[in-house]
C-alpha cells in the first residue's frame, strides 16, 4: 500500500520529469527515469509533452520507458 509520503514523492518525481522534458535536460531525465516503469497513461502524456519540444533524444528516452504490469 502506498503511503502519503511515497505518493508525494511520486508526484514530485513526475513534476521533475515534466520539467526536465520541457527544458530538454536529457541527463536529468535519464537520472529521474532510471529503472522505472510507469503506467501507460502517464507515459502517453509524457510522449505528447516531449513531442512539443521536438527533441528526438528526449522523445526516445520517453518511448523507451517500460510500462507497469
PDB file of N, CA and C in Angstrom:
ATOM      1  N   UNK A   1       0.832  -1.181   0.000  1.00  0.00           N
ATOM      2  CA  UNK A   1       0.000   0.000   0.000  1.00  0.00           C
ATOM      3  C   UNK A   1       0.878   1.246   0.000  1.00  0.00           C
ATOM      4  N   UNK A   2       0.503   2.215  -0.817  1.00  0.00           N
ATOM      5  CA  UNK A   2       1.290   3.439  -0.934  1.00  0.00           C
ATOM      6  C   UNK A   2       0.951   4.383   0.223  1.00  0.00           C
ATOM      7  N   UNK A   3       1.993   4.864   0.870  1.00  0.00           N
ATOM      8  CA  UNK A   3       1.779   5.818   1.956  1.00  0.00           C
ATOM      9  C   UNK A   3       1.678   7.219   1.372  1.00  0.00           C
ATOM     10  N   UNK A   4       1.245   8.162   2.198  1.00  0.00           N
ATOM     11  CA  UNK A   4       1.148   9.555   1.734  1.00  0.00           C
ATOM     12  C   UNK A   4       2.523  10.079   1.337  1.00  0.00           C
ATOM     13  N   UNK A   5       3.548   9.672   2.077  1.00  0.00           N
ATOM     14  CA  UNK A   5       4.915  10.122   1.781  1.00  0.00           C
ATOM     15  C   UNK A   5       5.356   9.635   0.397  1.00  0.00           C
ATOM     16  N   UNK A   6       5.169   8.347   0.108  1.00  0.00           N
ATOM     17  CA  UNK A   6       5.589   7.838  -1.195  1.00  0.00           C
ATOM     18  C   UNK A   6       4.730   8.421  -2.306  1.00  0.00           C
ATOM     19  N   UNK A   7       3.454   8.682  -2.014  1.00  0.00           N
ATOM     20  CA  UNK A   7       2.583   9.310  -3.009  1.00  0.00           C
ATOM     21  C   UNK A   7       3.095  10.716  -3.333  1.00  0.00           C
ATOM     22  N   UNK A   8       3.468  11.475  -2.322  1.00  0.00           N
ATOM     23  CA  UNK A   8       4.002  12.826  -2.534  1.00  0.00           C
ATOM     24  C   UNK A   8       5.321  12.780  -3.291  1.00  0.00           C
ATOM     25  N   UNK A   9       6.150  11.765  -3.002  1.00  0.00           N
ATOM     26  CA  UNK A   9       7.405  11.606  -3.732  1.00  0.00           C
ATOM     27  C   UNK A   9       7.119  11.321  -5.204  1.00  0.00           C
ATOM     28  N   UNK A  10       6.115  10.491  -5.474  1.00  0.00           N
ATOM     29  CA  UNK A  10       5.754  10.163  -6.849  1.00  0.00           C
ATOM     30  C   UNK A  10       5.304  11.405  -7.599  1.00  0.00           C
ATOM     31  N   UNK A  11       4.485  12.225  -6.956  1.00  0.00           N
ATOM     32  CA  UNK A  11       4.003  13.454  -7.585  1.00  0.00           C
ATOM     33  C   UNK A  11       5.174  14.400  -7.851  1.00  0.00           C
ATOM     34  N   UNK A  12       6.063  14.543  -6.886  1.00  0.00           N
ATOM     35  CA  UNK A  12       7.226  15.419  -7.056  1.00  0.00           C
ATOM     36  C   UNK A  12       8.135  14.904  -8.170  1.00  0.00           C
ATOM     37  N   UNK A  13       8.325  13.584  -8.228  1.00  0.00           N
ATOM     38  CA  UNK A  13       9.167  12.999  -9.263  1.00  0.00           C
ATOM     39  C   UNK A  13       8.552  13.218 -10.642  1.00  0.00           C
ATOM     40  N   UNK A  14       7.234  13.045 -10.767  1.00  0.00           N
ATOM     41  CA  UNK A  14       6.566  13.255 -12.052  1.00  0.00           C
ATOM     42  C   UNK A  14       6.687  14.720 -12.485  1.00  0.00           C
ATOM     43  N   UNK A  15       6.557  15.632 -11.545  1.00  0.00           N
ATOM     44  CA  UNK A  15       6.715  17.054 -11.852  1.00  0.00           C
ATOM     45  C   UNK A  15       8.139  17.343 -12.329  1.00  0.00           C
ATOM     46  N   UNK A  16       9.119  16.726 -11.693  1.00  0.00           N
ATOM     47  CA  UNK A  16      10.517  16.913 -12.098  1.00  0.00           C
ATOM     48  C   UNK A  16      10.754  16.337 -13.497  1.00  0.00           C
ATOM     49  N   UNK A  17      10.126  15.206 -13.799  1.00  0.00           N
ATOM     50  CA  UNK A  17      10.250  14.606 -15.135  1.00  0.00           C
ATOM     51  C   UNK A  17       9.675  15.561 -16.183  1.00  0.00           C
ATOM     52  N   UNK A  18       8.493  16.109 -15.910  1.00  0.00           N
ATOM     53  CA  UNK A  18       7.877  17.052 -16.857  1.00  0.00           C
ATOM     54  C   UNK A  18       8.768  18.275 -17.063  1.00  0.00           C
ATOM     55  N   UNK A  19       9.360  18.778 -15.999  1.00  0.00           N
ATOM     56  CA  UNK A  19      10.239  19.943 -16.102  1.00  0.00           C
ATOM     57  C   UNK A  19      11.483  19.613 -16.924  1.00  0.00           C
ATOM     58  N   UNK A  20      12.055  18.441 -16.687  1.00  0.00           N
ATOM     59  CA  UNK A  20      13.239  18.025 -17.444  1.00  0.00           C
ATOM     60  C   UNK A  20      12.924  17.912 -18.939  1.00  0.00           C
ATOM     61  N   UNK A  21      11.741  17.402 -19.261  1.00  0.00           N
ATOM     62  CA  UNK A  21      11.329  17.305 -20.667  1.00  0.00           C
ATOM     63  C   UNK A  21      11.182  18.702 -21.259  1.00  0.00           C
ATOM     64  N   UNK A  22      10.488  19.576 -20.560  1.00  0.00           N
ATOM     65  CA  UNK A  22      10.258  20.933 -21.055  1.00  0.00           C
ATOM     66  C   UNK A  22      11.561  21.701 -21.260  1.00  0.00           C
ATOM     67  N   UNK A  23      12.556  21.424 -20.418  1.00  0.00           N
ATOM     68  CA  UNK A  23      13.840  22.125 -20.504  1.00  0.00           C
ATOM     69  C   UNK A  23      14.873  21.370 -21.340  1.00  0.00           C
ATOM     70  N   UNK A  24      14.455  20.265 -21.957  1.00  0.00           N
ATOM     71  CA  UNK A  24      15.350  19.432 -22.776  1.00  0.00           C
ATOM     72  C   UNK A  24      16.603  19.002 -22.013  1.00  0.00           C
ATOM     73  N   UNK A  25      16.416  18.612 -20.757  1.00  0.00           N
ATOM     74  CA  UNK A  25      17.522  18.175 -19.911  1.00  0.00           C
ATOM     75  C   UNK A  25      17.637  16.652 -19.970  1.00  0.00           C
ATOM     76  N   UNK A  26      18.331  16.183 -20.987  1.00  0.00           N
ATOM     77  CA  UNK A  26      18.445  14.760 -21.260  1.00  0.00           C
ATOM     78  C   UNK A  26      19.079  13.979 -20.105  1.00  0.00           C
ATOM     79  N   UNK A  27      20.186  14.465 -19.565  1.00  0.00           N
ATOM     80  CA  UNK A  27      20.879  13.751 -18.484  1.00  0.00           C
ATOM     81  C   UNK A  27      20.012  13.652 -17.231  1.00  0.00           C
ATOM     82  N   UNK A  28      19.352  14.743 -16.866  1.00  0.00           N
ATOM     83  CA  UNK A  28      18.474  14.733 -15.697  1.00  0.00           C
ATOM     84  C   UNK A  28      17.297  13.791 -15.915  1.00  0.00           C
ATOM     85  N   UNK A  29      16.740  13.803 -17.108  1.00  0.00           N
ATOM     86  CA  UNK A  29      15.619  12.924 -17.423  1.00  0.00           C
ATOM     87  C   UNK A  29      16.021  11.459 -17.265  1.00  0.00           C
ATOM     88  N   UNK A  30      17.186  11.106 -17.777  1.00  0.00           N
ATOM     89  CA  UNK A  30      17.667   9.728 -17.631  1.00  0.00           C
ATOM     90  C   UNK A  30      17.829   9.360 -16.157  1.00  0.00           C
ATOM     91  N   UNK A  31      18.332  10.284 -15.364  1.00  0.00           N
ATOM     92  CA  UNK A  31      18.521  10.052 -13.930  1.00  0.00           C
ATOM     93  C   UNK A  31      17.170   9.846 -13.232  1.00  0.00           C
ATOM     94  N   UNK A  32      16.197  10.679 -13.563  1.00  0.00           N
ATOM     95  CA  UNK A  32      14.882  10.586 -12.929  1.00  0.00           C
ATOM     96  C   UNK A  32      14.131   9.316 -13.309  1.00  0.00           C
ATOM     97  N   UNK A  33      14.401   8.822 -14.506  1.00  0.00           N
ATOM     98  CA  UNK A  33      13.677   7.650 -15.003  1.00  0.00           C
ATOM     99  C   UNK A  33      14.422   6.335 -14.807  1.00  0.00           C
ATOM    100  N   UNK A  34      15.589   6.373 -14.209  1.00  0.00           N
ATOM    101  CA  UNK A  34      16.428   5.185 -14.066  1.00  0.00           C
ATOM    102  C   UNK A  34      15.646   4.014 -13.465  1.00  0.00           C
ATOM    103  N   UNK A  35      15.619   2.917 -14.202  1.00  0.00           N
ATOM    104  CA  UNK A  35      14.993   1.666 -13.742  1.00  0.00           C
ATOM    105  C   UNK A  35      13.567   1.868 -13.237  1.00  0.00           C
ATOM    106  N   UNK A  36      12.796   2.669 -13.946  1.00  0.00           N
ATOM    107  CA  UNK A  36      11.447   2.967 -13.508  1.00  0.00           C
ATOM    108  C   UNK A  36      10.439   2.594 -14.597  1.00  0.00           C
ATOM    109  N   UNK A  37       9.399   1.897 -14.205  1.00  0.00           N
ATOM    110  CA  UNK A  37       8.287   1.622 -15.112  1.00  0.00           C
ATOM    111  C   UNK A  37       7.169   2.598 -14.769  1.00  0.00           C
ATOM    112  N   UNK A  38       6.272   2.815 -15.728  1.00  0.00           N
ATOM    113  CA  UNK A  38       5.184   3.751 -15.440  1.00  0.00           C
ATOM    114  C   UNK A  38       3.912   3.298 -16.135  1.00  0.00           C
ATOM    115  N   UNK A  39       2.786   3.769 -15.620  1.00  0.00           N
ATOM    116  CA  UNK A  39       1.502   3.432 -16.246  1.00  0.00           C
ATOM    117  C   UNK A  39       1.417   3.993 -17.670  1.00  0.00           C
ATOM    118  N   UNK A  40       0.662   3.308 -18.503  1.00  0.00           N
ATOM    119  CA  UNK A  40       0.552   3.693 -19.906  1.00  0.00           C
ATOM    120  C   UNK A  40       0.040   5.123 -20.084  1.00  0.00           C
ATOM    121  N   UNK A  41      -0.917   5.537 -19.275  1.00  0.00           N
ATOM    122  CA  UNK A  41      -1.483   6.879 -19.396  1.00  0.00           C
ATOM    123  C   UNK A  41      -0.426   7.958 -19.133  1.00  0.00           C
ATOM    124  N   UNK A  42       0.390   7.765 -18.090  1.00  0.00           N
ATOM    125  CA  UNK A  42       1.448   8.732 -17.785  1.00  0.00           C
ATOM    126  C   UNK A  42       2.485   8.769 -18.900  1.00  0.00           C
ATOM    127  N   UNK A  43       2.850   7.588 -19.406  1.00  0.00           N
ATOM    128  CA  UNK A  43       3.839   7.526 -20.476  1.00  0.00           C
ATOM    129  C   UNK A  43       3.308   8.228 -21.728  1.00  0.00           C
ATOM    130  N   UNK A  44       2.057   8.005 -22.061  1.00  0.00           N
ATOM    131  CA  UNK A  44       1.444   8.640 -23.222  1.00  0.00           C
ATOM    132  C   UNK A  44       1.461  10.162 -23.085  1.00  0.00           C
ATOM    133  N   UNK A  45       1.144  10.643 -21.885  1.00  0.00           N
ATOM    134  CA  UNK A  45       1.179  12.088 -21.622  1.00  0.00           C
ATOM    135  C   UNK A  45       2.588  12.643 -21.832  1.00  0.00           C
ATOM    136  N   UNK A  46       3.592  11.934 -21.321  1.00  0.00           N
ATOM    137  CA  UNK A  46       4.972  12.405 -21.457  1.00  0.00           C
ATOM    138  C   UNK A  46       5.434  12.370 -22.910  1.00  0.00           C
ATOM    139  N   UNK A  47       4.974  11.385 -23.672  1.00  0.00           N
ATOM    140  CA  UNK A  47       5.310  11.331 -25.101  1.00  0.00           C
ATOM    141  C   UNK A  47       4.734  12.555 -25.804  1.00  0.00           C
ATOM    142  N   UNK A  48       3.485  12.894 -25.488  1.00  0.00           N
ATOM    143  CA  UNK A  48       2.876  14.091 -26.084  1.00  0.00           C
ATOM    144  C   UNK A  48       3.656  15.344 -25.694  1.00  0.00           C
ATOM    145  N   UNK A  49       4.030  15.434 -24.432  1.00  0.00           N
ATOM    146  CA  UNK A  49       4.788  16.594 -23.950  1.00  0.00           C
ATOM    147  C   UNK A  49       6.146  16.680 -24.647  1.00  0.00           C
ATOM    148  N   UNK A  50       6.825  15.557 -24.767  1.00  0.00           N
ATOM    149  CA  UNK A  50       8.137  15.539 -25.419  1.00  0.00           C
ATOM    150  C   UNK A  50       8.008  15.895 -26.898  1.00  0.00           C
ATOM    151  N   UNK A  51       6.905  15.511 -27.523  1.00  0.00           N
ATOM    152  CA  UNK A  51       6.685  15.845 -28.927  1.00  0.00           C
ATOM    153  C   UNK A  51       6.601  17.343 -29.155  1.00  0.00           C
ATOM    154  N   UNK A  52       6.103  18.068 -28.171  1.00  0.00           N
ATOM    155  CA  UNK A  52       6.019  19.526 -28.287  1.00  0.00           C
ATOM    156  C   UNK A  52       7.404  20.167 -28.336  1.00  0.00           C
ATOM    157  N   UNK A  53       8.358  19.555 -27.640  1.00  0.00           N
ATOM    158  CA  UNK A  53       9.715  20.091 -27.599  1.00  0.00           C
ATOM    159  C   UNK A  53      10.528  19.766 -28.830  1.00  0.00           C
ATOM    160  N   UNK A  54      10.062  18.800 -29.614  1.00  0.00           N
ATOM    161  CA  UNK A  54      10.714  18.436 -30.867  1.00  0.00           C
ATOM    162  C   UNK A  54      12.188  18.062 -30.693  1.00  0.00           C
ATOM    163  N   UNK A  55      12.510  17.369 -29.602  1.00  0.00           N
ATOM    164  CA  UNK A  55      13.870  16.883 -29.361  1.00  0.00           C
ATOM    165  C   UNK A  55      13.839  15.357 -29.470  1.00  0.00           C
ATOM    166  N   UNK A  56      14.402  14.810 -30.548  1.00  0.00           N
ATOM    167  CA  UNK A  56      14.324  13.364 -30.765  1.00  0.00           C
ATOM    168  C   UNK A  56      14.960  12.535 -29.643  1.00  0.00           C
ATOM    169  N   UNK A  57      16.010  13.037 -29.018  1.00  0.00           N
ATOM    170  CA  UNK A  57      16.669  12.281 -27.942  1.00  0.00           C
ATOM    171  C   UNK A  57      15.752  12.171 -26.726  1.00  0.00           C
ATOM    172  N   UNK A  58      15.079  13.259 -26.374  1.00  0.00           N
ATOM    173  CA  UNK A  58      14.138  13.249 -25.251  1.00  0.00           C
ATOM    174  C   UNK A  58      12.979  12.313 -25.564  1.00  0.00           C
ATOM    175  N   UNK A  59      12.454  12.394 -26.769  1.00  0.00           N
ATOM    176  CA  UNK A  59      11.339  11.545 -27.173  1.00  0.00           C
ATOM    177  C   UNK A  59      11.721  10.066 -27.102  1.00  0.00           C
ATOM    178  N   UNK A  60      12.925   9.734 -27.514  1.00  0.00           N
ATOM    179  CA  UNK A  60      13.372   8.333 -27.462  1.00  0.00           C
ATOM    180  C   UNK A  60      13.463   7.844 -26.020  1.00  0.00           C
ATOM    181  N   UNK A  61      13.983   8.674 -25.132  1.00  0.00           N
ATOM    182  CA  UNK A  61      14.083   8.292 -23.721  1.00  0.00           C
ATOM    183  C   UNK A  61      12.691   7.960 -23.180  1.00  0.00           C
ATOM    184  N   UNK A  62      11.716   8.800 -23.498  1.00  0.00           N
ATOM    185  CA  UNK A  62      10.351   8.588 -23.003  1.00  0.00           C
ATOM    186  C   UNK A  62       9.755   7.318 -23.613  1.00  0.00           C
ATOM    187  N   UNK A  63       9.932   7.135 -24.909  1.00  0.00           N
ATOM    188  CA  UNK A  63       9.371   5.950 -25.573  1.00  0.00           C
ATOM    189  C   UNK A  63       9.984   4.655 -25.049  1.00  0.00           C
ATOM    190  N   UNK A  64      11.201   4.733 -24.535  1.00  0.00           N
ATOM    191  CA  UNK A  64      11.883   3.541 -24.029  1.00  0.00           C
ATOM    192  C   UNK A  64      11.497   3.184 -22.587  1.00  0.00           C
ATOM    193  N   UNK A  65      10.667   4.005 -21.938  1.00  0.00           N
ATOM    194  CA  UNK A  65      10.235   3.706 -20.566  1.00  0.00           C
ATOM    195  C   UNK A  65       9.371   2.442 -20.596  1.00  0.00           C
ATOM    196  N   UNK A  66       9.698   1.463 -19.768  1.00  0.00           N
ATOM    197  CA  UNK A  66       8.843   0.266 -19.721  1.00  0.00           C
ATOM    198  C   UNK A  66       7.503   0.576 -19.053  1.00  0.00           C
ATOM    199  N   UNK A  67       6.479  -0.144 -19.473  1.00  0.00           N
ATOM    200  CA  UNK A  67       5.153   0.022 -18.866  1.00  0.00           C
ATOM    201  C   UNK A  67       5.035  -0.841 -17.621  1.00  0.00           C
ATOM    202  N   UNK A  68       4.276  -0.330 -16.659  1.00  0.00           N
ATOM    203  CA  UNK A  68       3.984  -1.119 -15.452  1.00  0.00           C
ATOM    204  C   UNK A  68       3.110  -2.295 -15.848  1.00  0.00           C
ATOM    205  N   UNK A  69       3.296  -3.389 -15.136  1.00  0.00           N
ATOM    206  CA  UNK A  69       2.498  -4.582 -15.413  1.00  0.00           C
ATOM    207  C   UNK A  69       1.376  -4.701 -14.444  1.00  0.00           C
TER     208      UNK A  69
END
